Every structure is written in C-alpha cells, then in structure tokens.
Amino acid sequence: MVLVVLAEAVVFVILALAGAQTEADERRDRITEFGSLVEAQLYRDGAAQQSFPGPVVLPELGQAVAELASGEVKDPEAMTANAEGWARVAREAGEGLGRITAEGAELAEARELMKQGLLLYSSLAQEIRVAAELEGTQQQQLADTLTEQMSVAAGIFDTGWGKLQEARREAGLETQAPLPGGLGGLPGGIPGLPGPEDPLSDLAP
C-alpha cells in the first residue's frame, strides 16, 4: 500500500513538473513571437534603426532638431518634406504596434508605452515641419521645446522597450535593453542632440 502511494506521489510530481515546464515554454514562445512582431513593425518601414543597446527611433529627428537649434537650416523645404514622411512612418509604426496581440499585463504595458512613444515622435515630426518654416526667435524657441519633448518621447519608448526586455529576462531569454542614461536607444542621448552628462565622469581617473 505504501509503495502504491509513493508511486502515485512520484507520478503526480512528474506530471506537475512537466506541466510547469510546458507552461514556461509556452510563455517563452509567446514573448519571442511578440518581440519578433514588434521588431518587424519597427524596422520594416524605417521607424527605427537597429543598434546594439536597442532600437533608435528616427535618428533623423534629432539631427533636424539640432539643425533648427543652430539657426542654420540648410534646406527648409527639404526638411518640411522629410518631416511629413517621418510623421507618417512613426504614426503607422505606433498604430501597427497597437494591433499586436500582447498576452499578459507586462507585454500589454510594453506595447502601449512603445506605441505612445512612437505617436509622440510622429507629433514632434509635424512640429519640426512647422519650425522649418519659421525664422529667428520663434524658430529657436520651438527648437528648444522640441529638444525637451524629444527626450520625453525617447524616455517613453525606451521604458516600453525595457519592459519587453525584462519579460524576456524573466522567461530566460536573451535581452537587449537601452544603456543607462541613454535616450532613443543610444548611450549619451538622441542622435544629433547633446546627451545628459555621464554621472560617472567625475569618478574617472
């Protein structure tokens, strides 16, 4: 009788472990599929560029804002036309991300943050179009505002990307996350714009 009970207990444990393993495998598969769909949406039409720390959303935006801030816009008409294209690409990528199925609160939050970040980038691109048509003080003031808003957009997107990477880490998958202090997926700040001062720079020999 004792042997029968022990055998049943062993079988129960084996089945429980097998079930847990199957559930973990299924979760990894869901996270992997979600991540693949996100990357396809980001990279397919050029809404972001691949980099080692993580995706860089439309680095051209940062370069355009830097040009506006300098007060030396070489070709306002070209910037206006490009900004319209950037706005469309970012908007479509954000809307596309919003249509990706996300199972679980963590992936849903990651998706929503990345989506909102991209939609904010789209709005900023429209503002760049307006700024390109201005001159003097008005252009400088709008460029300063754009610089601040670019940091906000980068922070929102990077937070969402980071949550996706955290889900991957918890599932035992490889991760790719932004470096601390970086904006827009690159260490040191948005491409074309000065980044935040390195908090460890004072400790360097």
Protein backbone atom coordinates (compact mmCIF):
# COMPACT_ATOMS: atom_id res chain seq x y z
CA MET A 1 0.00 0.00 0.00
CA VAL A 2 2.81 2.37 0.92
CA LEU A 3 4.58 1.64 -2.34
CA VAL A 4 1.42 2.44 -4.29
CA VAL A 5 1.05 5.78 -2.52
CA LEU A 6 4.68 6.62 -3.15
CA ALA A 7 4.36 5.68 -6.80
CA GLU A 8 1.30 7.88 -7.16
CA ALA A 9 3.13 10.75 -5.47
CA VAL A 10 6.09 10.39 -7.82
CA VAL A 11 3.80 10.34 -10.85
CA PHE A 12 2.00 13.46 -9.56
CA VAL A 13 5.28 15.31 -9.10
CA ILE A 14 6.49 14.32 -12.56
CA LEU A 15 3.24 15.48 -14.16
CA ALA A 16 3.32 18.75 -12.20
CA LEU A 17 6.88 19.45 -13.29
CA ALA A 18 6.08 18.58 -16.88
CA GLY A 19 3.08 20.90 -16.78
CA ALA A 20 5.13 23.74 -15.33
CA GLN A 21 7.82 23.22 -17.96
CA THR A 22 5.23 23.23 -20.73
CA GLU A 23 3.71 26.46 -19.40
CA ALA A 24 7.14 28.09 -19.20
CA ASP A 25 7.94 27.01 -22.75
CA GLU A 26 4.64 28.40 -24.00
CA ARG A 27 5.31 31.71 -22.25
CA ARG A 28 8.75 31.93 -23.86
CA ASP A 29 7.21 31.22 -27.24
CA ARG A 30 4.60 33.97 -26.74
CA ILE A 31 7.20 36.51 -25.67
CA THR A 32 9.51 35.57 -28.55
CA GLU A 33 6.69 35.91 -31.08
CA PHE A 34 5.61 39.25 -29.61
CA GLY A 35 9.17 40.57 -29.73
CA SER A 36 9.61 39.45 -33.33
CA LEU A 37 6.41 41.23 -34.37
CA VAL A 38 7.48 44.39 -32.55
CA GLU A 39 10.88 44.41 -34.26
CA ALA A 40 9.32 43.79 -37.67
CA GLN A 41 6.99 46.73 -37.13
CA LEU A 42 9.83 49.00 -36.07
CA TYR A 43 12.38 48.10 -38.73
CA ARG A 44 10.25 47.25 -41.77
CA ASP A 45 9.50 50.81 -42.89
CA GLY A 46 12.37 52.54 -41.12
CA ALA A 47 10.62 53.81 -37.99
CA ALA A 48 13.72 52.73 -36.07
CA GLN A 49 17.28 51.65 -36.73
CA GLN A 50 18.92 48.67 -35.10
CA SER A 51 21.72 49.28 -32.63
CA PHE A 52 23.48 47.17 -30.03
CA PRO A 53 21.66 48.65 -26.99
CA GLY A 54 18.26 48.71 -28.68
CA PRO A 55 16.22 50.35 -31.46
CA VAL A 56 16.88 54.01 -32.26
CA VAL A 57 13.64 55.72 -33.30
CA LEU A 58 14.07 58.01 -36.31
CA PRO A 59 17.54 59.42 -35.56
CA GLU A 60 16.90 61.92 -38.34
CA LEU A 61 14.52 63.76 -36.00
CA GLY A 62 17.31 64.54 -33.54
CA GLN A 63 19.54 65.73 -36.36
CA ALA A 64 16.78 68.00 -37.68
CA VAL A 65 16.14 69.49 -34.23
CA ALA A 66 19.87 70.14 -33.79
CA GLU A 67 19.91 71.95 -37.13
CA LEU A 68 16.91 74.04 -36.08
CA ALA A 69 18.54 74.85 -32.74
CA SER A 70 21.65 76.07 -34.52
CA GLY A 71 19.55 78.51 -36.54
CA GLU A 72 21.16 77.30 -39.73
CA VAL A 73 18.58 75.25 -41.62
CA LYS A 74 20.24 74.48 -44.94
CA ASP A 75 17.11 73.47 -46.85
CA PRO A 76 13.78 74.32 -45.16
CA GLU A 77 11.73 72.82 -47.99
CA ALA A 78 13.56 69.50 -47.78
CA MET A 79 13.20 69.43 -44.00
CA THR A 80 9.48 70.10 -44.32
CA ALA A 81 9.05 67.28 -46.81
CA ASN A 82 11.16 64.88 -44.75
CA ALA A 83 9.26 65.75 -41.57
CA GLU A 84 5.99 64.79 -43.20
CA GLY A 85 7.46 61.41 -44.08
CA TRP A 86 8.86 60.89 -40.58
CA ALA A 87 5.50 61.72 -39.05
CA ARG A 88 3.76 59.17 -41.25
CA VAL A 89 6.29 56.40 -40.60
CA ALA A 90 6.23 56.90 -36.82
CA ARG A 91 2.42 57.08 -36.74
CA GLU A 92 1.98 53.93 -38.80
CA ALA A 93 4.53 52.07 -36.68
CA GLY A 94 2.79 53.13 -33.48
CA GLU A 95 -0.62 52.13 -34.78
CA GLY A 96 0.82 48.85 -36.02
CA LEU A 97 2.27 48.08 -32.59
CA GLY A 98 -1.13 48.76 -31.06
CA ARG A 99 -2.62 45.98 -33.17
CA ILE A 100 -0.14 43.34 -32.00
CA THR A 101 -1.66 40.84 -29.58
CA ALA A 102 0.01 41.08 -26.17
CA GLU A 103 -0.73 38.35 -23.64
CA GLY A 104 -0.24 39.40 -20.05
CA ALA A 105 -0.11 42.79 -18.34
CA GLU A 106 3.64 43.23 -18.77
CA LEU A 107 3.64 42.81 -22.54
CA ALA A 108 0.49 44.91 -22.87
CA GLU A 109 2.16 47.73 -20.92
CA ALA A 110 5.33 47.43 -23.01
CA ARG A 111 3.27 47.63 -26.20
CA GLU A 112 1.29 50.66 -25.00
CA LEU A 113 4.40 52.59 -23.95
CA MET A 114 6.22 51.92 -27.22
CA LYS A 115 3.08 52.87 -29.14
CA GLN A 116 2.66 56.14 -27.24
CA GLY A 117 6.33 56.95 -27.68
CA LEU A 118 6.09 56.47 -31.44
CA LEU A 119 2.93 58.56 -31.69
CA LEU A 120 4.67 61.34 -29.78
CA TYR A 121 7.59 61.11 -32.22
CA SER A 122 5.04 61.49 -35.02
CA SER A 123 3.63 64.64 -33.43
CA LEU A 124 7.13 66.04 -32.98
CA ALA A 125 7.88 65.44 -36.65
CA GLN A 126 4.85 67.58 -37.50
CA GLU A 127 6.20 70.31 -35.23
CA ILE A 128 9.56 70.10 -36.98
CA ARG A 129 7.73 70.78 -40.22
CA VAL A 130 6.26 73.94 -38.67
CA ALA A 131 9.59 75.00 -37.17
CA ALA A 132 11.34 74.70 -40.53
CA GLU A 133 9.05 77.41 -41.88
CA LEU A 134 9.82 79.83 -39.04
CA GLU A 135 12.79 82.13 -38.57
CA GLY A 136 14.73 83.80 -35.80
CA THR A 137 13.47 83.77 -32.22
CA GLN A 138 10.30 81.85 -32.99
CA GLN A 139 12.25 79.05 -34.60
CA GLN A 140 14.75 78.95 -31.72
CA GLN A 141 12.02 78.78 -29.08
CA LEU A 142 10.24 75.95 -30.86
CA ALA A 143 13.55 74.11 -31.32
CA ASP A 144 14.19 74.35 -27.57
CA THR A 145 10.75 72.92 -26.86
CA LEU A 146 11.31 70.14 -29.38
CA THR A 147 14.59 69.22 -27.71
CA GLU A 148 12.80 68.70 -24.40
CA GLN A 149 9.92 66.78 -25.97
CA MET A 150 12.30 64.50 -27.85
CA SER A 151 13.73 63.44 -24.51
CA VAL A 152 10.22 62.68 -23.25
CA ALA A 153 9.37 60.62 -26.35
CA ALA A 154 12.63 58.70 -26.07
CA GLY A 155 12.01 58.01 -22.39
CA ILE A 156 8.51 56.67 -23.01
CA PHE A 157 9.59 54.42 -25.85
CA ASP A 158 12.69 53.16 -24.07
CA THR A 159 10.65 52.33 -20.96
CA GLY A 160 8.35 50.18 -23.06
CA TRP A 161 11.28 48.50 -24.78
CA GLY A 162 12.85 47.90 -21.39
CA LYS A 163 9.70 46.21 -20.11
CA LEU A 164 9.77 43.86 -23.07
CA GLN A 165 13.39 43.02 -22.29
CA GLU A 166 12.51 42.44 -18.63
CA ALA A 167 9.81 39.97 -19.69
CA ARG A 168 12.40 38.21 -21.84
CA ARG A 169 14.86 38.09 -18.95
CA GLU A 170 12.30 36.61 -16.57
CA ALA A 171 11.45 33.97 -19.17
CA GLY A 172 15.11 33.01 -19.54
CA LEU A 173 15.56 34.61 -22.96
CA GLU A 174 18.35 36.85 -24.19
CA THR A 175 17.74 40.55 -23.69
CA GLN A 176 18.59 43.77 -25.47
CA ALA A 177 17.97 46.88 -23.39
CA PRO A 178 18.97 50.56 -23.58
CA LEU A 179 22.11 51.53 -21.69
CA PRO A 180 21.55 53.58 -18.51
CA GLY A 181 21.47 57.31 -19.23
CA GLY A 182 20.84 56.87 -22.95
CA LEU A 183 17.89 58.33 -24.84
CA GLY A 184 16.42 56.98 -28.01
CA GLY A 185 18.29 53.70 -27.56
CA LEU A 186 21.79 55.20 -27.79
CA PRO A 187 24.16 55.87 -24.90
CA GLY A 188 24.65 59.58 -24.36
CA GLY A 189 21.41 60.86 -25.88
CA ILE A 190 19.37 61.35 -29.01
CA PRO A 191 21.45 61.30 -32.21
CA GLY A 192 22.22 64.88 -33.18
CA LEU A 193 21.43 66.28 -29.73
CA PRO A 194 23.72 66.67 -26.72
CA GLY A 195 23.17 63.86 -24.24
CA PRO A 196 22.99 64.02 -20.44
CA GLU A 197 26.26 64.27 -18.58
CA ASP A 198 27.66 60.94 -17.57
CA PRO A 199 27.13 60.66 -13.77
CA LEU A 200 30.31 58.57 -13.52
CA SER A 201 32.50 61.03 -15.41
CA ASP A 202 33.72 62.68 -12.20
CA LEU A 203 34.98 59.33 -10.98
CA ALA A 204 37.22 58.74 -13.97
CA PRO A 205 40.95 58.88 -13.17
